[in-house]
Amino acid sequence: MPIIVNLDVMMAKRKISSTQLSEKMGITMANLSILKNSKAKAIRFSTLESLCKILECQPGDILEYADENDSRLK
């Protein structure tokens, strides 16, 4: 999939753990893991909004489009 999820990068920049983020968002660690590991097929705008609010960032800081030939997708 040509969408790269940089959630782990933003979490590291903001020095927040998965446990802390899942608690603040009110989602399970399993669901957060699915997001972090790019296993999600979709993301609700409300979830993206919550991530951006907590991490004080923009959607583009978390989600990135890459051409299908991009080596990061391999």
PDB file of N, CA and C in Angstrom:
ATOM      1  N   MET A   1       0.851  -1.177   0.000  1.00  0.00           N
ATOM      2  CA  MET A   1       0.000   0.000   0.000  1.00  0.00           C
ATOM      3  C   MET A   1       0.895   1.237   0.000  1.00  0.00           C
ATOM      4  N   PRO A   2       0.597   2.215  -0.828  1.00  0.00           N
ATOM      5  CA  PRO A   2       1.463   3.379  -0.933  1.00  0.00           C
ATOM      6  C   PRO A   2       1.283   4.432   0.166  1.00  0.00           C
ATOM      7  N   ILE A   3       0.566   4.108   1.218  1.00  0.00           N
ATOM      8  CA  ILE A   3       0.446   5.025   2.350  1.00  0.00           C
ATOM      9  C   ILE A   3       1.367   4.525   3.464  1.00  0.00           C
ATOM     10  N   ILE A   4       2.248   5.402   3.901  1.00  0.00           N
ATOM     11  CA  ILE A   4       3.187   5.079   4.972  1.00  0.00           C
ATOM     12  C   ILE A   4       2.679   5.735   6.253  1.00  0.00           C
ATOM     13  N   VAL A   5       2.630   4.974   7.329  1.00  0.00           N
ATOM     14  CA  VAL A   5       2.181   5.484   8.623  1.00  0.00           C
ATOM     15  C   VAL A   5       3.421   5.774   9.473  1.00  0.00           C
ATOM     16  N   ASN A   6       3.602   7.041   9.811  1.00  0.00           N
ATOM     17  CA  ASN A   6       4.755   7.476  10.593  1.00  0.00           C
ATOM     18  C   ASN A   6       4.379   7.736  12.052  1.00  0.00           C
ATOM     19  N   LEU A   7       3.427   6.987  12.557  1.00  0.00           N
ATOM     20  CA  LEU A   7       2.959   7.197  13.925  1.00  0.00           C
ATOM     21  C   LEU A   7       4.074   6.971  14.930  1.00  0.00           C
ATOM     22  N   ASP A   8       4.873   5.940  14.737  1.00  0.00           N
ATOM     23  CA  ASP A   8       5.960   5.670  15.672  1.00  0.00           C
ATOM     24  C   ASP A   8       6.980   6.806  15.700  1.00  0.00           C
ATOM     25  N   VAL A   9       7.207   7.447  14.560  1.00  0.00           N
ATOM     26  CA  VAL A   9       8.134   8.585  14.485  1.00  0.00           C
ATOM     27  C   VAL A   9       7.596   9.752  15.313  1.00  0.00           C
ATOM     28  N   MET A  10       6.308  10.052  15.125  1.00  0.00           N
ATOM     29  CA  MET A  10       5.708  11.170  15.882  1.00  0.00           C
ATOM     30  C   MET A  10       5.679  10.866  17.377  1.00  0.00           C
ATOM     31  N   MET A  11       5.414   9.613  17.727  1.00  0.00           N
ATOM     32  CA  MET A  11       5.406   9.244  19.144  1.00  0.00           C
ATOM     33  C   MET A  11       6.798   9.434  19.748  1.00  0.00           C
ATOM     34  N   ALA A  12       7.818   9.064  19.001  1.00  0.00           N
ATOM     35  CA  ALA A  12       9.188   9.241  19.494  1.00  0.00           C
ATOM     36  C   ALA A  12       9.528  10.721  19.640  1.00  0.00           C
ATOM     37  N   LYS A  13       9.110  11.531  18.671  1.00  0.00           N
ATOM     38  CA  LYS A  13       9.367  12.979  18.736  1.00  0.00           C
ATOM     39  C   LYS A  13       8.682  13.607  19.938  1.00  0.00           C
ATOM     40  N   ARG A  14       7.499  13.116  20.260  1.00  0.00           N
ATOM     41  CA  ARG A  14       6.725  13.676  21.380  1.00  0.00           C
ATOM     42  C   ARG A  14       7.002  12.947  22.697  1.00  0.00           C
ATOM     43  N   LYS A  15       7.856  11.937  22.628  1.00  0.00           N
ATOM     44  CA  LYS A  15       8.245  11.170  23.819  1.00  0.00           C
ATOM     45  C   LYS A  15       7.030  10.629  24.575  1.00  0.00           C
ATOM     46  N   ILE A  16       6.183   9.938  23.814  1.00  0.00           N
ATOM     47  CA  ILE A  16       4.993   9.335  24.402  1.00  0.00           C
ATOM     48  C   ILE A  16       5.001   7.843  24.080  1.00  0.00           C
ATOM     49  N   SER A  17       4.697   7.037  25.057  1.00  0.00           N
ATOM     50  CA  SER A  17       4.687   5.586  24.868  1.00  0.00           C
ATOM     51  C   SER A  17       3.355   5.125  24.276  1.00  0.00           C
ATOM     52  N   SER A  18       3.368   3.910  23.782  1.00  0.00           N
ATOM     53  CA  SER A  18       2.136   3.324  23.250  1.00  0.00           C
ATOM     54  C   SER A  18       1.068   3.237  24.326  1.00  0.00           C
ATOM     55  N   THR A  19       1.473   2.872  25.528  1.00  0.00           N
ATOM     56  CA  THR A  19       0.526   2.769  26.641  1.00  0.00           C
ATOM     57  C   THR A  19      -0.103   4.119  26.939  1.00  0.00           C
ATOM     58  N   GLN A  20       0.719   5.158  27.016  1.00  0.00           N
ATOM     59  CA  GLN A  20       0.210   6.498  27.296  1.00  0.00           C
ATOM     60  C   GLN A  20      -0.748   6.964  26.201  1.00  0.00           C
ATOM     61  N   LEU A  21      -0.350   6.747  24.949  1.00  0.00           N
ATOM     62  CA  LEU A  21      -1.180   7.192  23.825  1.00  0.00           C
ATOM     63  C   LEU A  21      -2.500   6.438  23.787  1.00  0.00           C
ATOM     64  N   SER A  22      -2.464   5.130  23.991  1.00  0.00           N
ATOM     65  CA  SER A  22      -3.714   4.359  23.955  1.00  0.00           C
ATOM     66  C   SER A  22      -4.654   4.793  25.061  1.00  0.00           C
ATOM     67  N   GLU A  23      -4.106   5.094  26.244  1.00  0.00           N
ATOM     68  CA  GLU A  23      -4.946   5.559  27.356  1.00  0.00           C
ATOM     69  C   GLU A  23      -5.556   6.918  27.052  1.00  0.00           C
ATOM     70  N   LYS A  24      -4.758   7.843  26.510  1.00  0.00           N
ATOM     71  CA  LYS A  24      -5.263   9.186  26.197  1.00  0.00           C
ATOM     72  C   LYS A  24      -6.315   9.152  25.094  1.00  0.00           C
ATOM     73  N   MET A  25      -6.146   8.215  24.150  1.00  0.00           N
ATOM     74  CA  MET A  25      -7.092   8.108  23.037  1.00  0.00           C
ATOM     75  C   MET A  25      -8.314   7.279  23.394  1.00  0.00           C
ATOM     76  N   GLY A  26      -8.182   6.414  24.381  1.00  0.00           N
ATOM     77  CA  GLY A  26      -9.282   5.541  24.747  1.00  0.00           C
ATOM     78  C   GLY A  26      -9.431   4.370  23.791  1.00  0.00           C
ATOM     79  N   ILE A  27      -8.299   3.904  23.242  1.00  0.00           N
ATOM     80  CA  ILE A  27      -8.332   2.728  22.371  1.00  0.00           C
ATOM     81  C   ILE A  27      -7.431   1.645  22.964  1.00  0.00           C
ATOM     82  N   THR A  28      -7.621   0.428  22.512  1.00  0.00           N
ATOM     83  CA  THR A  28      -6.825  -0.669  23.046  1.00  0.00           C
ATOM     84  C   THR A  28      -5.413  -0.625  22.473  1.00  0.00           C
ATOM     85  N   MET A  29      -4.500  -1.266  23.187  1.00  0.00           N
ATOM     86  CA  MET A  29      -3.120  -1.379  22.704  1.00  0.00           C
ATOM     87  C   MET A  29      -3.099  -2.141  21.377  1.00  0.00           C
ATOM     88  N   ALA A  30      -3.969  -3.134  21.242  1.00  0.00           N
ATOM     89  CA  ALA A  30      -4.027  -3.920  20.001  1.00  0.00           C
ATOM     90  C   ALA A  30      -4.395  -3.031  18.810  1.00  0.00           C
ATOM     91  N   ASN A  31      -5.397  -2.176  18.982  1.00  0.00           N
ATOM     92  CA  ASN A  31      -5.797  -1.288  17.889  1.00  0.00           C
ATOM     93  C   ASN A  31      -4.717  -0.259  17.580  1.00  0.00           C
ATOM     94  N   LEU A  32      -4.056   0.236  18.595  1.00  0.00           N
ATOM     95  CA  LEU A  32      -2.963   1.184  18.372  1.00  0.00           C
ATOM     96  C   LEU A  32      -1.824   0.493  17.624  1.00  0.00           C
ATOM     97  N   SER A  33      -1.542  -0.740  17.972  1.00  0.00           N
ATOM     98  CA  SER A  33      -0.502  -1.510  17.301  1.00  0.00           C
ATOM     99  C   SER A  33      -0.823  -1.699  15.826  1.00  0.00           C
ATOM    100  N   ILE A  34      -2.078  -1.944  15.515  1.00  0.00           N
ATOM    101  CA  ILE A  34      -2.510  -2.091  14.125  1.00  0.00           C
ATOM    102  C   ILE A  34      -2.230  -0.806  13.348  1.00  0.00           C
ATOM    103  N   LEU A  35      -2.504   0.326  13.968  1.00  0.00           N
ATOM    104  CA  LEU A  35      -2.221   1.614  13.328  1.00  0.00           C
ATOM    105  C   LEU A  35      -0.720   1.823  13.146  1.00  0.00           C
ATOM    106  N   LYS A  36       0.032   1.593  14.219  1.00  0.00           N
ATOM    107  CA  LYS A  36       1.477   1.820  14.180  1.00  0.00           C
ATOM    108  C   LYS A  36       2.187   0.959  13.157  1.00  0.00           C
ATOM    109  N   ASN A  37       1.727  -0.265  12.980  1.00  0.00           N
ATOM    110  CA  ASN A  37       2.407  -1.208  12.102  1.00  0.00           C
ATOM    111  C   ASN A  37       1.840  -1.237  10.685  1.00  0.00           C
ATOM    112  N   SER A  38       1.077  -0.214  10.347  1.00  0.00           N
ATOM    113  CA  SER A  38       0.508  -0.071   8.995  1.00  0.00           C
ATOM    114  C   SER A  38      -0.342  -1.265   8.580  1.00  0.00           C
ATOM    115  N   LYS A  39      -1.008  -1.893   9.528  1.00  0.00           N
ATOM    116  CA  LYS A  39      -1.875  -3.034   9.234  1.00  0.00           C
ATOM    117  C   LYS A  39      -3.324  -2.602   9.040  1.00  0.00           C
ATOM    118  N   ALA A  40      -3.635  -1.351   9.378  1.00  0.00           N
ATOM    119  CA  ALA A  40      -5.006  -0.857   9.252  1.00  0.00           C
ATOM    120  C   ALA A  40      -5.357  -0.642   7.787  1.00  0.00           C
ATOM    121  N   LYS A  41      -6.567  -0.993   7.424  1.00  0.00           N
ATOM    122  CA  LYS A  41      -7.062  -0.776   6.061  1.00  0.00           C
ATOM    123  C   LYS A  41      -7.670   0.621   5.916  1.00  0.00           C
ATOM    124  N   ALA A  42      -8.037   1.223   7.058  1.00  0.00           N
ATOM    125  CA  ALA A  42      -8.664   2.541   7.051  1.00  0.00           C
ATOM    126  C   ALA A  42      -8.450   3.188   8.415  1.00  0.00           C
ATOM    127  N   ILE A  43      -8.671   4.495   8.469  1.00  0.00           N
ATOM    128  CA  ILE A  43      -8.616   5.207   9.745  1.00  0.00           C
ATOM    129  C   ILE A  43      -9.760   6.215   9.746  1.00  0.00           C
ATOM    130  N   ARG A  44     -10.475   6.264  10.834  1.00  0.00           N
ATOM    131  CA  ARG A  44     -11.578   7.224  10.958  1.00  0.00           C
ATOM    132  C   ARG A  44     -10.995   8.625  11.158  1.00  0.00           C
ATOM    133  N   PHE A  45     -11.691   9.613  10.635  1.00  0.00           N
ATOM    134  CA  PHE A  45     -11.247  10.990  10.828  1.00  0.00           C
ATOM    135  C   PHE A  45     -11.207  11.343  12.308  1.00  0.00           C
ATOM    136  N   SER A  46     -12.128  10.796  13.080  1.00  0.00           N
ATOM    137  CA  SER A  46     -12.139  11.095  14.515  1.00  0.00           C
ATOM    138  C   SER A  46     -10.885  10.532  15.194  1.00  0.00           C
ATOM    139  N   THR A  47     -10.409   9.370  14.740  1.00  0.00           N
ATOM    140  CA  THR A  47      -9.181   8.792  15.279  1.00  0.00           C
ATOM    141  C   THR A  47      -7.983   9.630  14.868  1.00  0.00           C
ATOM    142  N   LEU A  48      -7.947  10.045  13.617  1.00  0.00           N
ATOM    143  CA  LEU A  48      -6.859  10.888  13.126  1.00  0.00           C
ATOM    144  C   LEU A  48      -6.852  12.229  13.857  1.00  0.00           C
ATOM    145  N   GLU A  49      -8.030  12.777  14.080  1.00  0.00           N
ATOM    146  CA  GLU A  49      -8.148  14.030  14.820  1.00  0.00           C
ATOM    147  C   GLU A  49      -7.598  13.878  16.237  1.00  0.00           C
ATOM    148  N   SER A  50      -7.954  12.790  16.885  1.00  0.00           N
ATOM    149  CA  SER A  50      -7.476  12.535  18.247  1.00  0.00           C
ATOM    150  C   SER A  50      -5.959  12.390  18.282  1.00  0.00           C
ATOM    151  N   LEU A  51      -5.401  11.651  17.328  1.00  0.00           N
ATOM    152  CA  LEU A  51      -3.944  11.503  17.246  1.00  0.00           C
ATOM    153  C   LEU A  51      -3.263  12.862  17.082  1.00  0.00           C
ATOM    154  N   CYS A  52      -3.786  13.671  16.168  1.00  0.00           N
ATOM    155  CA  CYS A  52      -3.199  14.987  15.908  1.00  0.00           C
ATOM    156  C   CYS A  52      -3.295  15.896  17.131  1.00  0.00           C
ATOM    157  N   LYS A  53      -4.408  15.831  17.822  1.00  0.00           N
ATOM    158  CA  LYS A  53      -4.598  16.663  19.010  1.00  0.00           C
ATOM    159  C   LYS A  53      -3.612  16.253  20.111  1.00  0.00           C
ATOM    160  N   ILE A  54      -3.520  14.974  20.377  1.00  0.00           N
ATOM    161  CA  ILE A  54      -2.650  14.479  21.448  1.00  0.00           C
ATOM    162  C   ILE A  54      -1.175  14.683  21.101  1.00  0.00           C
ATOM    163  N   LEU A  55      -0.810  14.407  19.849  1.00  0.00           N
ATOM    164  CA  LEU A  55       0.593  14.511  19.439  1.00  0.00           C
ATOM    165  C   LEU A  55       0.972  15.909  18.961  1.00  0.00           C
ATOM    166  N   GLU A  56      -0.019  16.809  18.933  1.00  0.00           N
ATOM    167  CA  GLU A  56       0.196  18.200  18.500  1.00  0.00           C
ATOM    168  C   GLU A  56       0.901  18.239  17.145  1.00  0.00           C
ATOM    169  N   CYS A  57       0.228  17.629  16.152  1.00  0.00           N
ATOM    170  CA  CYS A  57       0.800  17.558  14.817  1.00  0.00           C
ATOM    171  C   CYS A  57      -0.294  17.664  13.770  1.00  0.00           C
ATOM    172  N   GLN A  58       0.083  17.571  12.529  1.00  0.00           N
ATOM    173  CA  GLN A  58      -0.838  17.610  11.407  1.00  0.00           C
ATOM    174  C   GLN A  58      -0.988  16.196  10.837  1.00  0.00           C
ATOM    175  N   PRO A  59      -2.100  15.911  10.144  1.00  0.00           N
ATOM    176  CA  PRO A  59      -2.281  14.589   9.557  1.00  0.00           C
ATOM    177  C   PRO A  59      -1.101  14.164   8.672  1.00  0.00           C
ATOM    178  N   GLY A  60      -0.514  15.112   7.951  1.00  0.00           N
ATOM    179  CA  GLY A  60       0.622  14.820   7.086  1.00  0.00           C
ATOM    180  C   GLY A  60       1.880  14.416   7.837  1.00  0.00           C
ATOM    181  N   ASP A  61       1.910  14.691   9.139  1.00  0.00           N
ATOM    182  CA  ASP A  61       3.039  14.253   9.956  1.00  0.00           C
ATOM    183  C   ASP A  61       2.928  12.767  10.274  1.00  0.00           C
ATOM    184  N   ILE A  62       1.713  12.243  10.203  1.00  0.00           N
ATOM    185  CA  ILE A  62       1.456  10.844  10.541  1.00  0.00           C
ATOM    186  C   ILE A  62       1.327   9.979   9.290  1.00  0.00           C
ATOM    187  N   LEU A  63       0.651  10.493   8.271  1.00  0.00           N
ATOM    188  CA  LEU A  63       0.400   9.746   7.047  1.00  0.00           C
ATOM    189  C   LEU A  63       1.171  10.356   5.886  1.00  0.00           C
ATOM    190  N   GLU A  64       1.727   9.490   5.054  1.00  0.00           N
ATOM    191  CA  GLU A  64       2.535   9.938   3.927  1.00  0.00           C
ATOM    192  C   GLU A  64       2.244   9.052   2.724  1.00  0.00           C
ATOM    193  N   TYR A  65       2.168   9.675   1.562  1.00  0.00           N
ATOM    194  CA  TYR A  65       1.988   8.914   0.323  1.00  0.00           C
ATOM    195  C   TYR A  65       3.354   8.659  -0.303  1.00  0.00           C
ATOM    196  N   ALA A  66       3.568   7.449  -0.767  1.00  0.00           N
ATOM    197  CA  ALA A  66       4.803   7.109  -1.470  1.00  0.00           C
ATOM    198  C   ALA A  66       4.446   6.372  -2.752  1.00  0.00           C
ATOM    199  N   ASP A  67       5.172   6.659  -3.798  1.00  0.00           N
ATOM    200  CA  ASP A  67       4.996   5.956  -5.063  1.00  0.00           C
ATOM    201  C   ASP A  67       5.205   4.461  -4.844  1.00  0.00           C
ATOM    202  N   GLU A  68       4.490   3.641  -5.571  1.00  0.00           N
ATOM    203  CA  GLU A  68       4.575   2.193  -5.385  1.00  0.00           C
ATOM    204  C   GLU A  68       5.978   1.637  -5.611  1.00  0.00           C
ATOM    205  N   ASN A  69       6.837   2.374  -6.279  1.00  0.00           N
ATOM    206  CA  ASN A  69       8.218   1.949  -6.516  1.00  0.00           C
ATOM    207  C   ASN A  69       9.169   2.393  -5.405  1.00  0.00           C
ATOM    208  N   ASP A  70       8.639   3.119  -4.426  1.00  0.00           N
ATOM    209  CA  ASP A  70       9.457   3.615  -3.323  1.00  0.00           C
ATOM    210  C   ASP A  70       9.994   2.440  -2.518  1.00  0.00           C
ATOM    211  N   SER A  71      11.272   2.452  -2.210  1.00  0.00           N
ATOM    212  CA  SER A  71      11.914   1.352  -1.496  1.00  0.00           C
ATOM    213  C   SER A  71      11.368   1.174  -0.077  1.00  0.00           C
ATOM    214  N   ARG A  72      10.775   2.205   0.511  1.00  0.00           N
ATOM    215  CA  ARG A  72      10.212   2.095   1.863  1.00  0.00           C
ATOM    216  C   ARG A  72       9.008   1.170   1.915  1.00  0.00           C
ATOM    217  N   LEU A  73       8.422   0.887   0.763  1.00  0.00           N
ATOM    218  CA  LEU A  73       7.239   0.025   0.711  1.00  0.00           C
ATOM    219  C   LEU A  73       7.585  -1.444   0.526  1.00  0.00           C
ATOM    220  N   LYS A  74       8.827  -1.752   0.389  1.00  0.00           N
ATOM    221  CA  LYS A  74       9.250  -3.140   0.141  1.00  0.00           C
ATOM    222  C   LYS A  74       9.568  -3.863   1.420  1.00  0.00           C
TER     223      LYS A  74
END
